[in-house]
Amino acid sequence: MKYNVRIAALAALFGIPAMIAAGAPGFALELDKPLPLPQSPMTSAPSLPQAPAVTALPEAEADETPSINIADEAPVEPRVSLATLVAAQTMPTAPDEALRCLASAIFHEAKGEPMTGQLAVAHVILNRAQSGRFPASVCGVVAQRGQFSFVRGGIIPSPALHNASYRRAMAIAQIAIDKAWADPVSGALFFHATHVAPNWGKRRVAAIGHHIFYR
């Protein structure tokens, strides 16, 4: 025991680990272990943010954008107004029966209405003649019993041709017959003045001036 203590003291004094290894096996086991390295506050380099990957855009094709030749575009014609179209109509000296009946209905039913309202009344009559639910002719629709109050005894009165309102009604009737302007009431078959409220149960499609139109 004293010998081992002496050996350990000499080893510690002169730094001779081999002597300790030879005489003190317990200490040798401790010396064989690698000494831990001192830890630095930052043991590894901080990871830097990576720059975003840049993807090269494909080169634009030379013919990708078509050239536009303004001279090749067709000019846009301004749309004429209904009033202009009415003024351009030629008044016939001897209107045929359908034109006369339609113009008379427009005059008596809607002469105080705007031109669109007069055209709407004309289209109701034309729509009826084509529907299969009413007489097949314009005059037959106008003269049908109980439909238009200005018709008496099946006779359709015609105003004088020099009457300005009747001449306008004649022009609008011609436009409607020629389908030179779109139907403003989308195929309506019925109409009434706004001061009455018949319980028809029909689908309302338009209100123009002092008239309401239905299918």
N, C-alpha and C. Protein backbone atom coordinates (compact mmCIF):
# COMPACT_ATOMS: atom_id res chain seq x y z
N MET A 1 0.83 -1.19 0.00
CA MET A 1 0.00 0.00 0.00
C MET A 1 0.86 1.23 0.00
N LYS A 2 1.88 1.29 0.82
CA LYS A 2 2.80 2.40 0.88
C LYS A 2 3.57 2.52 -0.40
N TYR A 3 3.89 1.36 -1.02
CA TYR A 3 4.64 1.36 -2.27
C TYR A 3 3.81 2.01 -3.38
N ASN A 4 2.58 1.68 -3.42
CA ASN A 4 1.71 2.24 -4.48
C ASN A 4 1.53 3.74 -4.29
N VAL A 5 1.42 4.18 -3.08
CA VAL A 5 1.28 5.60 -2.81
C VAL A 5 2.53 6.34 -3.21
N ARG A 6 3.69 5.71 -2.96
CA ARG A 6 4.95 6.35 -3.34
C ARG A 6 5.08 6.44 -4.84
N ILE A 7 4.68 5.42 -5.52
CA ILE A 7 4.75 5.42 -6.99
C ILE A 7 3.84 6.53 -7.55
N ALA A 8 2.65 6.65 -7.00
CA ALA A 8 1.71 7.68 -7.47
C ALA A 8 2.24 9.06 -7.22
N ALA A 9 2.92 9.26 -6.09
CA ALA A 9 3.47 10.58 -5.77
C ALA A 9 4.58 10.94 -6.72
N LEU A 10 5.47 9.96 -7.02
CA LEU A 10 6.55 10.20 -7.97
C LEU A 10 6.01 10.49 -9.36
N ALA A 11 4.97 9.78 -9.74
CA ALA A 11 4.38 9.99 -11.08
C ALA A 11 3.78 11.37 -11.18
N ALA A 12 3.13 11.79 -10.14
CA ALA A 12 2.53 13.12 -10.18
C ALA A 12 3.60 14.19 -10.18
N LEU A 13 4.79 13.93 -9.48
CA LEU A 13 5.85 14.91 -9.40
C LEU A 13 6.58 15.05 -10.71
N PHE A 14 6.93 13.95 -11.34
CA PHE A 14 7.75 13.97 -12.56
C PHE A 14 6.92 13.82 -13.83
N GLY A 15 5.55 13.73 -13.78
CA GLY A 15 4.71 13.59 -14.98
C GLY A 15 4.96 12.33 -15.71
N ILE A 16 5.07 11.18 -15.03
CA ILE A 16 5.36 9.90 -15.67
C ILE A 16 4.09 9.08 -15.64
N PRO A 17 3.24 9.16 -16.67
CA PRO A 17 2.00 8.37 -16.67
C PRO A 17 2.25 6.90 -16.77
N ALA A 18 3.38 6.50 -17.38
CA ALA A 18 3.64 5.06 -17.54
C ALA A 18 3.79 4.41 -16.21
N MET A 19 4.44 5.09 -15.24
CA MET A 19 4.62 4.51 -13.93
C MET A 19 3.28 4.33 -13.27
N ILE A 20 2.38 5.31 -13.46
CA ILE A 20 1.07 5.17 -12.85
C ILE A 20 0.34 4.03 -13.50
N ALA A 21 0.56 3.91 -14.81
CA ALA A 21 -0.10 2.80 -15.52
C ALA A 21 0.41 1.47 -15.03
N ALA A 22 1.68 1.41 -14.69
CA ALA A 22 2.23 0.13 -14.25
C ALA A 22 1.82 -0.22 -12.86
N GLY A 23 1.69 0.78 -11.98
CA GLY A 23 1.43 0.47 -10.61
C GLY A 23 0.04 0.73 -10.14
N ALA A 24 -0.72 1.51 -10.94
CA ALA A 24 -2.08 1.85 -10.51
C ALA A 24 -3.04 1.64 -11.65
N PRO A 25 -3.54 0.45 -11.82
CA PRO A 25 -4.44 0.15 -12.95
C PRO A 25 -5.68 1.02 -12.96
N GLY A 26 -6.17 1.39 -11.79
CA GLY A 26 -7.37 2.23 -11.78
C GLY A 26 -7.16 3.57 -12.44
N PHE A 27 -6.00 4.16 -12.23
CA PHE A 27 -5.70 5.43 -12.88
C PHE A 27 -5.46 5.27 -14.36
N ALA A 28 -4.92 4.16 -14.79
CA ALA A 28 -4.67 3.92 -16.22
C ALA A 28 -5.97 3.93 -17.01
N LEU A 29 -7.00 3.37 -16.45
CA LEU A 29 -8.29 3.36 -17.16
C LEU A 29 -8.78 4.78 -17.42
N GLU A 30 -8.57 5.66 -16.45
CA GLU A 30 -9.01 7.04 -16.61
C GLU A 30 -8.19 7.76 -17.64
N LEU A 31 -6.85 7.48 -17.70
CA LEU A 31 -5.97 8.17 -18.62
C LEU A 31 -6.18 7.71 -20.05
N ASP A 32 -6.67 6.47 -20.23
CA ASP A 32 -6.90 5.98 -21.61
C ASP A 32 -8.06 6.68 -22.29
N LYS A 33 -8.96 7.29 -21.55
CA LYS A 33 -10.11 7.96 -22.16
C LYS A 33 -9.66 9.27 -22.78
N PRO A 34 -10.16 9.61 -23.99
CA PRO A 34 -9.78 10.91 -24.60
C PRO A 34 -10.38 12.05 -23.79
N LEU A 35 -9.57 13.07 -23.63
CA LEU A 35 -10.03 14.23 -22.88
C LEU A 35 -11.04 15.01 -23.71
N PRO A 36 -12.11 15.44 -23.08
CA PRO A 36 -13.11 16.23 -23.85
C PRO A 36 -12.56 17.59 -24.23
N LEU A 37 -12.84 17.97 -25.49
CA LEU A 37 -12.39 19.27 -25.96
C LEU A 37 -13.25 20.36 -25.36
N PRO A 38 -12.66 21.49 -25.09
CA PRO A 38 -13.47 22.60 -24.53
C PRO A 38 -14.50 23.06 -25.54
N GLN A 39 -15.68 23.28 -25.04
CA GLN A 39 -16.79 23.71 -25.90
C GLN A 39 -16.75 25.21 -26.07
N SER A 40 -16.82 25.63 -27.35
CA SER A 40 -16.88 27.07 -27.66
C SER A 40 -18.34 27.50 -27.60
N PRO A 41 -18.60 28.73 -27.29
CA PRO A 41 -20.00 29.19 -27.28
C PRO A 41 -20.69 28.93 -28.60
N MET A 42 -19.96 28.94 -29.72
CA MET A 42 -20.56 28.63 -31.02
C MET A 42 -19.83 27.43 -31.57
N THR A 43 -20.42 26.24 -31.47
CA THR A 43 -19.75 25.00 -31.85
C THR A 43 -19.78 24.77 -33.34
N SER A 44 -20.69 25.45 -34.08
CA SER A 44 -20.73 25.27 -35.53
C SER A 44 -21.08 26.59 -36.17
N ALA A 45 -20.67 26.74 -37.40
CA ALA A 45 -20.93 27.99 -38.12
C ALA A 45 -22.42 28.11 -38.42
N PRO A 46 -22.97 29.32 -38.24
CA PRO A 46 -24.40 29.48 -38.51
C PRO A 46 -24.70 29.25 -39.99
N SER A 47 -25.83 28.63 -40.22
CA SER A 47 -26.21 28.36 -41.61
C SER A 47 -26.73 29.64 -42.24
N LEU A 48 -26.17 30.00 -43.39
CA LEU A 48 -26.58 31.21 -44.09
C LEU A 48 -27.79 30.91 -44.96
N PRO A 49 -28.69 31.86 -45.08
CA PRO A 49 -29.84 31.61 -45.96
C PRO A 49 -29.40 31.44 -47.39
N GLN A 50 -29.98 30.45 -48.04
CA GLN A 50 -29.61 30.19 -49.42
C GLN A 50 -30.37 31.12 -50.34
N ALA A 51 -29.68 31.54 -51.36
CA ALA A 51 -30.33 32.41 -52.35
C ALA A 51 -31.35 31.61 -53.12
N PRO A 52 -32.50 32.20 -53.43
CA PRO A 52 -33.52 31.45 -54.18
C PRO A 52 -33.01 31.06 -55.54
N ALA A 53 -33.43 29.88 -55.94
CA ALA A 53 -33.00 29.39 -57.24
C ALA A 53 -33.61 30.26 -58.33
N VAL A 54 -32.83 30.60 -59.30
CA VAL A 54 -33.29 31.43 -60.41
C VAL A 54 -33.42 30.55 -61.63
N THR A 55 -34.65 30.52 -62.17
CA THR A 55 -34.90 29.72 -63.36
C THR A 55 -34.91 30.65 -64.57
N ALA A 56 -34.13 30.32 -65.51
CA ALA A 56 -34.06 31.17 -66.70
C ALA A 56 -35.36 31.08 -67.47
N LEU A 57 -35.92 32.23 -67.84
CA LEU A 57 -37.15 32.25 -68.61
C LEU A 57 -36.85 31.86 -70.05
N PRO A 58 -37.79 31.13 -70.66
CA PRO A 58 -37.55 30.77 -72.07
C PRO A 58 -37.58 32.01 -72.94
N GLU A 59 -36.73 32.01 -73.91
CA GLU A 59 -36.68 33.15 -74.80
C GLU A 59 -37.95 33.24 -75.61
N ALA A 60 -38.46 34.44 -75.80
CA ALA A 60 -39.69 34.63 -76.56
C ALA A 60 -39.45 34.30 -78.01
N GLU A 61 -40.42 33.64 -78.57
CA GLU A 61 -40.33 33.32 -79.98
C GLU A 61 -40.46 34.60 -80.79
N ALA A 62 -39.79 34.62 -81.89
CA ALA A 62 -39.81 35.83 -82.71
C ALA A 62 -41.19 36.11 -83.28
N ASP A 63 -41.97 35.03 -83.57
CA ASP A 63 -43.28 35.21 -84.19
C ASP A 63 -44.40 35.09 -83.19
N GLU A 64 -44.10 35.18 -81.88
CA GLU A 64 -45.11 34.93 -80.87
C GLU A 64 -46.19 35.99 -80.87
N THR A 65 -45.85 37.27 -81.06
CA THR A 65 -46.82 38.36 -81.05
C THR A 65 -47.16 38.74 -82.48
N PRO A 66 -48.41 38.49 -82.88
CA PRO A 66 -48.74 38.81 -84.27
C PRO A 66 -48.78 40.31 -84.49
N SER A 67 -48.37 40.70 -85.64
CA SER A 67 -48.44 42.12 -85.97
C SER A 67 -49.86 42.50 -86.33
N ILE A 68 -50.27 43.70 -85.97
CA ILE A 68 -51.63 44.18 -86.23
C ILE A 68 -51.55 45.30 -87.24
N ASN A 69 -52.24 45.09 -88.31
CA ASN A 69 -52.29 46.11 -89.34
C ASN A 69 -53.63 46.83 -89.23
N ILE A 70 -53.61 48.03 -88.70
CA ILE A 70 -54.84 48.77 -88.48
C ILE A 70 -55.57 49.00 -89.79
N ALA A 71 -54.84 49.12 -90.86
CA ALA A 71 -55.48 49.39 -92.15
C ALA A 71 -56.34 48.23 -92.62
N ASP A 72 -56.02 47.00 -92.10
CA ASP A 72 -56.78 45.82 -92.52
C ASP A 72 -58.11 45.69 -91.80
N GLU A 73 -58.31 46.42 -90.69
CA GLU A 73 -59.55 46.28 -89.93
C GLU A 73 -60.67 47.04 -90.62
N ALA A 74 -61.85 46.38 -90.66
CA ALA A 74 -63.00 47.00 -91.30
C ALA A 74 -63.52 48.15 -90.44
N PRO A 75 -63.86 49.25 -91.03
CA PRO A 75 -64.40 50.38 -90.24
C PRO A 75 -65.73 50.01 -89.63
N VAL A 76 -65.97 50.51 -88.42
CA VAL A 76 -67.21 50.22 -87.71
C VAL A 76 -68.25 51.26 -88.09
N GLU A 77 -69.36 50.79 -88.64
CA GLU A 77 -70.42 51.70 -89.05
C GLU A 77 -71.23 52.13 -87.83
N PRO A 78 -71.45 53.42 -87.63
CA PRO A 78 -72.30 53.85 -86.51
C PRO A 78 -73.74 53.41 -86.75
N ARG A 79 -74.40 52.92 -85.72
CA ARG A 79 -75.77 52.47 -85.86
C ARG A 79 -76.71 53.67 -85.90
N VAL A 80 -77.62 53.65 -86.88
CA VAL A 80 -78.57 54.76 -86.99
C VAL A 80 -79.62 54.60 -85.92
N SER A 81 -80.25 55.70 -85.56
CA SER A 81 -81.31 55.68 -84.57
C SER A 81 -82.62 55.27 -85.23
N LEU A 82 -83.58 54.88 -84.39
CA LEU A 82 -84.89 54.53 -84.92
C LEU A 82 -85.54 55.74 -85.58
N ALA A 83 -85.34 56.92 -85.03
CA ALA A 83 -85.90 58.13 -85.63
C ALA A 83 -85.33 58.38 -87.02
N THR A 84 -84.02 58.13 -87.18
CA THR A 84 -83.40 58.29 -88.50
C THR A 84 -83.97 57.29 -89.49
N LEU A 85 -84.16 56.06 -89.02
CA LEU A 85 -84.73 55.02 -89.88
C LEU A 85 -86.16 55.36 -90.28
N VAL A 86 -86.93 55.90 -89.35
CA VAL A 86 -88.31 56.30 -89.64
C VAL A 86 -88.32 57.42 -90.69
N ALA A 87 -87.44 58.39 -90.52
CA ALA A 87 -87.38 59.53 -91.45
C ALA A 87 -86.96 59.09 -92.85
N ALA A 88 -86.23 57.97 -92.94
CA ALA A 88 -85.74 57.51 -94.25
C ALA A 88 -86.79 56.71 -95.02
N GLN A 89 -87.92 56.40 -94.41
CA GLN A 89 -88.95 55.61 -95.10
C GLN A 89 -89.68 56.47 -96.14
N THR A 90 -90.04 55.81 -97.23
CA THR A 90 -90.80 56.47 -98.29
C THR A 90 -92.27 56.15 -98.12
N MET A 91 -93.09 57.16 -98.08
CA MET A 91 -94.52 56.97 -97.89
C MET A 91 -95.17 56.47 -99.18
N PRO A 92 -95.76 55.28 -99.15
CA PRO A 92 -96.41 54.78 -100.37
C PRO A 92 -97.70 55.55 -100.67
N THR A 93 -97.94 55.77 -101.93
CA THR A 93 -99.18 56.46 -102.31
C THR A 93 -100.39 55.53 -102.19
N ALA A 94 -100.16 54.22 -102.32
CA ALA A 94 -101.25 53.25 -102.20
C ALA A 94 -100.76 52.08 -101.34
N PRO A 95 -100.78 52.22 -100.02
CA PRO A 95 -100.29 51.14 -99.14
C PRO A 95 -101.12 49.87 -99.31
N ASP A 96 -100.42 48.72 -99.20
CA ASP A 96 -101.15 47.46 -99.30
C ASP A 96 -101.98 47.25 -98.03
N GLU A 97 -102.79 46.20 -98.04
CA GLU A 97 -103.76 46.00 -96.97
C GLU A 97 -103.08 45.78 -95.62
N ALA A 98 -102.03 44.95 -95.57
CA ALA A 98 -101.35 44.66 -94.32
C ALA A 98 -100.72 45.92 -93.73
N LEU A 99 -100.08 46.71 -94.59
CA LEU A 99 -99.44 47.93 -94.12
C LEU A 99 -100.49 48.92 -93.60
N ARG A 100 -101.61 49.04 -94.33
CA ARG A 100 -102.66 49.96 -93.91
C ARG A 100 -103.27 49.55 -92.57
N CYS A 101 -103.54 48.23 -92.39
CA CYS A 101 -104.13 47.77 -91.13
C CYS A 101 -103.18 47.96 -89.96
N LEU A 102 -101.90 47.66 -90.19
CA LEU A 102 -100.92 47.77 -89.11
C LEU A 102 -100.71 49.24 -88.74
N ALA A 103 -100.61 50.11 -89.72
CA ALA A 103 -100.42 51.53 -89.44
C ALA A 103 -101.63 52.12 -88.72
N SER A 104 -102.82 51.67 -89.08
CA SER A 104 -104.03 52.16 -88.40
C SER A 104 -104.04 51.75 -86.93
N ALA A 105 -103.62 50.50 -86.66
CA ALA A 105 -103.56 50.04 -85.27
C ALA A 105 -102.53 50.83 -84.47
N ILE A 106 -101.37 51.09 -85.08
CA ILE A 106 -100.35 51.87 -84.40
C ILE A 106 -100.88 53.27 -84.11
N PHE A 107 -101.52 53.88 -85.08
CA PHE A 107 -102.03 55.24 -84.92
C PHE A 107 -103.06 55.32 -83.80
N HIS A 108 -104.03 54.42 -83.80
CA HIS A 108 -105.12 54.51 -82.83
C HIS A 108 -104.71 54.04 -81.43
N GLU A 109 -103.78 53.10 -81.36
CA GLU A 109 -103.39 52.54 -80.06
C GLU A 109 -102.19 53.25 -79.43
N ALA A 110 -101.33 53.87 -80.25
CA ALA A 110 -100.06 54.33 -79.68
C ALA A 110 -99.52 55.60 -80.31
N LYS A 111 -100.34 56.42 -80.93
CA LYS A 111 -99.81 57.60 -81.62
C LYS A 111 -99.13 58.58 -80.66
N GLY A 112 -99.52 58.57 -79.38
CA GLY A 112 -98.89 59.45 -78.40
C GLY A 112 -97.68 58.83 -77.71
N GLU A 113 -97.32 57.62 -78.09
CA GLU A 113 -96.19 56.92 -77.46
C GLU A 113 -94.87 57.25 -78.17
N PRO A 114 -93.74 57.02 -77.51
CA PRO A 114 -92.46 57.16 -78.22
C PRO A 114 -92.39 56.16 -79.38
N MET A 115 -91.48 56.38 -80.29
CA MET A 115 -91.39 55.52 -81.47
C MET A 115 -91.16 54.06 -81.10
N THR A 116 -90.38 53.82 -80.05
CA THR A 116 -90.16 52.44 -79.61
C THR A 116 -91.46 51.81 -79.13
N GLY A 117 -92.30 52.59 -78.46
CA GLY A 117 -93.58 52.08 -78.01
C GLY A 117 -94.51 51.79 -79.17
N GLN A 118 -94.50 52.63 -80.21
CA GLN A 118 -95.31 52.37 -81.39
C GLN A 118 -94.82 51.11 -82.12
N LEU A 119 -93.50 50.96 -82.19
CA LEU A 119 -92.94 49.76 -82.81
C LEU A 119 -93.31 48.51 -82.02
N ALA A 120 -93.37 48.64 -80.70
CA ALA A 120 -93.74 47.50 -79.85
C ALA A 120 -95.17 47.04 -80.14
N VAL A 121 -96.10 47.99 -80.30
CA VAL A 121 -97.48 47.65 -80.62
C VAL A 121 -97.54 46.95 -81.97
N ALA A 122 -96.77 47.44 -82.95
CA ALA A 122 -96.72 46.80 -84.26
C ALA A 122 -96.24 45.36 -84.15
N HIS A 123 -95.25 45.12 -83.32
CA HIS A 123 -94.71 43.76 -83.19
C HIS A 123 -95.68 42.84 -82.46
N VAL A 124 -96.47 43.34 -81.54
CA VAL A 124 -97.48 42.50 -80.90
C VAL A 124 -98.44 41.96 -81.96
N ILE A 125 -98.86 42.82 -82.87
CA ILE A 125 -99.79 42.39 -83.92
C ILE A 125 -99.12 41.38 -84.85
N LEU A 126 -97.88 41.66 -85.25
CA LEU A 126 -97.16 40.72 -86.12
C LEU A 126 -96.90 39.39 -85.40
N ASN A 127 -96.57 39.45 -84.12
CA ASN A 127 -96.33 38.23 -83.35
C ASN A 127 -97.61 37.39 -83.26
N ARG A 128 -98.73 38.03 -83.10
CA ARG A 128 -100.01 37.30 -83.05
C ARG A 128 -100.28 36.60 -84.38
N ALA A 129 -100.04 37.30 -85.49
CA ALA A 129 -100.31 36.72 -86.80
C ALA A 129 -99.43 35.50 -87.08
N GLN A 130 -98.28 35.42 -86.42
CA GLN A 130 -97.36 34.31 -86.65
C GLN A 130 -97.44 33.24 -85.57
N SER A 131 -98.25 33.46 -84.55
CA SER A 131 -98.26 32.56 -83.39
C SER A 131 -99.10 31.30 -83.60
N GLY A 132 -100.09 31.33 -84.49
CA GLY A 132 -101.02 30.22 -84.62
C GLY A 132 -102.14 30.25 -83.61
N ARG A 133 -102.14 31.19 -82.70
CA ARG A 133 -103.18 31.34 -81.68
C ARG A 133 -104.19 32.42 -82.04
N PHE A 134 -103.88 33.20 -83.07
CA PHE A 134 -104.73 34.30 -83.52
C PHE A 134 -104.90 34.18 -85.03
N PRO A 135 -105.74 35.02 -85.62
CA PRO A 135 -105.84 35.01 -87.09
C PRO A 135 -104.47 35.14 -87.74
N ALA A 136 -104.30 34.55 -88.91
CA ALA A 136 -102.99 34.45 -89.54
C ALA A 136 -102.59 35.68 -90.34
N SER A 137 -103.47 36.66 -90.48
CA SER A 137 -103.12 37.87 -91.23
C SER A 137 -103.11 39.08 -90.30
N VAL A 138 -102.39 40.12 -90.71
CA VAL A 138 -102.32 41.33 -89.91
C VAL A 138 -103.71 41.94 -89.75
N CYS A 139 -104.43 42.08 -90.86
CA CYS A 139 -105.77 42.68 -90.77
C CYS A 139 -106.71 41.80 -89.96
N GLY A 140 -106.55 40.47 -90.06
CA GLY A 140 -107.38 39.57 -89.27
C GLY A 140 -107.14 39.74 -87.78
N VAL A 141 -105.86 39.95 -87.37
CA VAL A 141 -105.54 40.17 -85.96
C VAL A 141 -106.15 41.49 -85.48
N VAL A 142 -106.00 42.54 -86.28
CA VAL A 142 -106.50 43.86 -85.87
C VAL A 142 -108.02 43.86 -85.79
N ALA A 143 -108.68 43.19 -86.75
CA ALA A 143 -110.15 43.21 -86.82
C ALA A 143 -110.80 42.17 -85.91
N GLN A 144 -110.00 41.33 -85.23
CA GLN A 144 -110.60 40.29 -84.39
C GLN A 144 -111.49 40.91 -83.33
N ARG A 145 -112.60 40.32 -83.16
CA ARG A 145 -113.62 40.88 -82.26
C ARG A 145 -113.11 40.94 -80.81
N GLY A 146 -113.37 42.09 -80.20
CA GLY A 146 -113.05 42.27 -78.79
C GLY A 146 -111.59 42.52 -78.48
N GLN A 147 -110.75 42.75 -79.50
CA GLN A 147 -109.33 42.93 -79.26
C GLN A 147 -108.91 44.40 -79.25
N PHE A 148 -109.40 45.19 -80.19
CA PHE A 148 -109.02 46.60 -80.26
C PHE A 148 -110.28 47.46 -80.27
N SER A 149 -110.33 48.40 -79.35
CA SER A 149 -111.56 49.18 -79.15
C SER A 149 -111.86 50.12 -80.31
N PHE A 150 -110.85 50.51 -81.09
CA PHE A 150 -111.10 51.43 -82.19
C PHE A 150 -111.78 50.74 -83.39
N VAL A 151 -111.81 49.42 -83.39
CA VAL A 151 -112.45 48.66 -84.47
C VAL A 151 -113.93 48.50 -84.13
N ARG A 152 -114.78 48.94 -85.03
CA ARG A 152 -116.22 48.84 -84.81
C ARG A 152 -116.86 48.05 -85.96
N GLY A 153 -117.53 46.97 -85.58
CA GLY A 153 -118.19 46.14 -86.59
C GLY A 153 -117.22 45.51 -87.56
N GLY A 154 -116.03 45.24 -87.12
CA GLY A 154 -115.04 44.61 -87.99
C GLY A 154 -114.41 45.56 -88.98
N ILE A 155 -114.71 46.86 -88.89
CA ILE A 155 -114.16 47.85 -89.82
C ILE A 155 -112.98 48.57 -89.17
N ILE A 156 -111.85 48.61 -89.90
CA ILE A 156 -110.64 49.27 -89.39
C ILE A 156 -110.56 50.65 -90.04
N PRO A 157 -110.76 51.71 -89.27
CA PRO A 157 -110.71 53.06 -89.85
C PRO A 157 -109.28 53.45 -90.19
N SER A 158 -109.12 54.15 -91.32
CA SER A 158 -107.80 54.62 -91.74
C SER A 158 -107.79 56.13 -91.78
N PRO A 159 -106.89 56.78 -91.04
CA PRO A 159 -106.80 58.24 -91.09
C PRO A 159 -106.33 58.71 -92.47
N ALA A 160 -106.40 59.98 -92.70
CA ALA A 160 -105.94 60.55 -93.96
C ALA A 160 -104.41 60.49 -94.05
N LEU A 161 -103.91 60.27 -95.25
CA LEU A 161 -102.46 60.11 -95.44
C LEU A 161 -101.68 61.38 -95.11
N HIS A 162 -102.32 62.53 -95.15
CA HIS A 162 -101.57 63.78 -94.86
C HIS A 162 -101.40 64.00 -93.36
N ASN A 163 -102.04 63.17 -92.53
CA ASN A 163 -101.89 63.30 -91.08
C ASN A 163 -100.46 62.90 -90.69
N ALA A 164 -99.75 63.78 -90.01
CA ALA A 164 -98.34 63.53 -89.67
C ALA A 164 -98.17 62.31 -88.77
N SER A 165 -99.04 62.15 -87.79
CA SER A 165 -98.94 60.99 -86.89
C SER A 165 -99.20 59.69 -87.64
N TYR A 166 -100.13 59.74 -88.60
CA TYR A 166 -100.42 58.53 -89.38
C TYR A 166 -99.27 58.22 -90.34
N ARG A 167 -98.67 59.21 -90.87
CA ARG A 167 -97.51 58.98 -91.75
C ARG A 167 -96.35 58.37 -90.95
N ARG A 168 -96.16 58.83 -89.73
CA ARG A 168 -95.12 58.23 -88.88
C ARG A 168 -95.50 56.79 -88.54
N ALA A 169 -96.79 56.54 -88.25
CA ALA A 169 -97.24 55.18 -87.96
C ALA A 169 -97.05 54.28 -89.18
N MET A 170 -97.26 54.82 -90.37
CA MET A 170 -97.04 54.06 -91.60
C MET A 170 -95.57 53.68 -91.75
N ALA A 171 -94.68 54.62 -91.44
CA ALA A 171 -93.24 54.34 -91.54
C ALA A 171 -92.82 53.28 -90.53
N ILE A 172 -93.33 53.38 -89.31
CA ILE A 172 -92.99 52.39 -88.28
C ILE A 172 -93.55 51.02 -88.65
N ALA A 173 -94.76 51.00 -89.22
CA ALA A 173 -95.34 49.73 -89.66
C ALA A 173 -94.47 49.08 -90.73
N GLN A 174 -93.95 49.88 -91.64
CA GLN A 174 -93.09 49.34 -92.70
C GLN A 174 -91.79 48.78 -92.11
N ILE A 175 -91.22 49.47 -91.14
CA ILE A 175 -90.00 48.99 -90.48
C ILE A 175 -90.27 47.65 -89.79
N ALA A 176 -91.42 47.54 -89.12
CA ALA A 176 -91.74 46.30 -88.42
C ALA A 176 -91.95 45.15 -89.41
N ILE A 177 -92.65 45.41 -90.50
CA ILE A 177 -92.89 44.36 -91.50
C ILE A 177 -91.58 43.91 -92.14
N ASP A 178 -90.71 44.86 -92.41
CA ASP A 178 -89.42 44.54 -93.04
C ASP A 178 -88.41 43.96 -92.04
N LYS A 179 -88.74 43.93 -90.76
CA LYS A 179 -87.84 43.49 -89.70
C LYS A 179 -86.53 44.29 -89.73
N ALA A 180 -86.67 45.57 -90.00
CA ALA A 180 -85.50 46.45 -90.07
C ALA A 180 -85.01 46.89 -88.70
N TRP A 181 -85.80 46.60 -87.65
CA TRP A 181 -85.42 46.94 -86.27
C TRP A 181 -85.85 45.79 -85.37
N ALA A 182 -85.07 45.49 -84.37
CA ALA A 182 -85.37 44.35 -83.50
C ALA A 182 -86.68 44.55 -82.74
N ASP A 183 -87.34 43.44 -82.46
CA ASP A 183 -88.57 43.46 -81.68
C ASP A 183 -88.26 43.94 -80.27
N PRO A 184 -88.76 45.10 -79.84
CA PRO A 184 -88.41 45.61 -78.51
C PRO A 184 -89.15 44.93 -77.37
N VAL A 185 -90.11 44.04 -77.69
CA VAL A 185 -90.88 43.40 -76.62
C VAL A 185 -90.72 41.87 -76.63
N SER A 186 -89.72 41.38 -77.32
CA SER A 186 -89.32 39.96 -77.25
C SER A 186 -90.47 38.99 -77.45
N GLY A 187 -91.22 39.17 -78.53
CA GLY A 187 -92.28 38.22 -78.87
C GLY A 187 -93.55 38.37 -78.07
N ALA A 188 -93.80 39.53 -77.48
CA ALA A 188 -95.02 39.73 -76.68
C ALA A 188 -96.26 39.57 -77.56
N LEU A 189 -97.35 39.07 -76.94
CA LEU A 189 -98.62 38.87 -77.65
C LEU A 189 -99.75 39.73 -77.09
N PHE A 190 -99.51 40.40 -75.98
CA PHE A 190 -100.56 41.17 -75.32
C PHE A 190 -99.97 42.47 -74.79
N PHE A 191 -100.82 43.47 -74.66
CA PHE A 191 -100.41 44.72 -74.00
C PHE A 191 -101.65 45.42 -73.48
N HIS A 192 -101.44 46.29 -72.52
CA HIS A 192 -102.52 47.12 -72.02
C HIS A 192 -101.94 48.44 -71.52
N ALA A 193 -102.80 49.43 -71.37
CA ALA A 193 -102.36 50.73 -70.87
C ALA A 193 -102.04 50.64 -69.39
N THR A 194 -101.17 51.50 -68.93
CA THR A 194 -100.74 51.45 -67.54
C THR A 194 -101.84 51.87 -66.56
N HIS A 195 -102.89 52.55 -67.05
CA HIS A 195 -103.94 53.00 -66.12
C HIS A 195 -104.96 51.91 -65.83
N VAL A 196 -104.80 50.73 -66.45
CA VAL A 196 -105.67 49.59 -66.13
C VAL A 196 -104.81 48.47 -65.57
N ALA A 197 -105.44 47.53 -64.87
CA ALA A 197 -104.70 46.42 -64.26
C ALA A 197 -105.49 45.13 -64.41
N PRO A 198 -105.54 44.58 -65.62
CA PRO A 198 -106.26 43.32 -65.81
C PRO A 198 -105.54 42.16 -65.13
N ASN A 199 -106.29 41.25 -64.60
CA ASN A 199 -105.70 40.09 -63.92
C ASN A 199 -105.49 38.98 -64.94
N TRP A 200 -104.47 39.17 -65.76
CA TRP A 200 -104.24 38.24 -66.86
C TRP A 200 -103.45 37.00 -66.42
N GLY A 201 -102.58 37.12 -65.49
CA GLY A 201 -101.74 36.00 -65.09
C GLY A 201 -100.72 35.64 -66.16
N LYS A 202 -100.31 36.60 -66.97
CA LYS A 202 -99.33 36.36 -68.03
C LYS A 202 -97.97 36.91 -67.62
N ARG A 203 -96.95 36.49 -68.34
CA ARG A 203 -95.59 36.92 -67.99
C ARG A 203 -95.29 38.29 -68.61
N ARG A 204 -94.98 39.20 -67.75
CA ARG A 204 -94.65 40.56 -68.20
C ARG A 204 -93.25 40.57 -68.80
N VAL A 205 -93.11 41.20 -69.97
CA VAL A 205 -91.80 41.23 -70.63
C VAL A 205 -91.25 42.64 -70.80
N ALA A 206 -92.11 43.66 -70.80
CA ALA A 206 -91.59 45.02 -71.01
C ALA A 206 -92.65 46.04 -70.62
N ALA A 207 -92.19 47.24 -70.33
CA ALA A 207 -93.05 48.40 -70.11
C ALA A 207 -92.42 49.55 -70.89
N ILE A 208 -93.15 50.04 -71.89
CA ILE A 208 -92.64 51.11 -72.74
C ILE A 208 -93.70 52.21 -72.80
N GLY A 209 -93.32 53.41 -72.45
CA GLY A 209 -94.27 54.50 -72.46
C GLY A 209 -95.42 54.22 -71.51
N HIS A 210 -96.64 54.28 -72.02
CA HIS A 210 -97.83 54.05 -71.20
C HIS A 210 -98.43 52.67 -71.44
N HIS A 211 -97.61 51.72 -71.90
CA HIS A 211 -98.10 50.37 -72.15
C HIS A 211 -97.22 49.34 -71.45
N ILE A 212 -97.83 48.25 -71.04
CA ILE A 212 -97.13 47.10 -70.46
C ILE A 212 -97.39 45.91 -71.36
N PHE A 213 -96.34 45.15 -71.65
CA PHE A 213 -96.40 44.07 -72.63
C PHE A 213 -96.18 42.73 -71.94
N TYR A 214 -96.91 41.71 -72.47
CA TYR A 214 -96.90 40.37 -71.86
C TYR A 214 -96.78 39.31 -72.95
N ARG A 215 -96.38 38.13 -72.49
CA ARG A 215 -96.44 36.95 -73.35
C ARG A 215 -97.62 36.08 -72.90
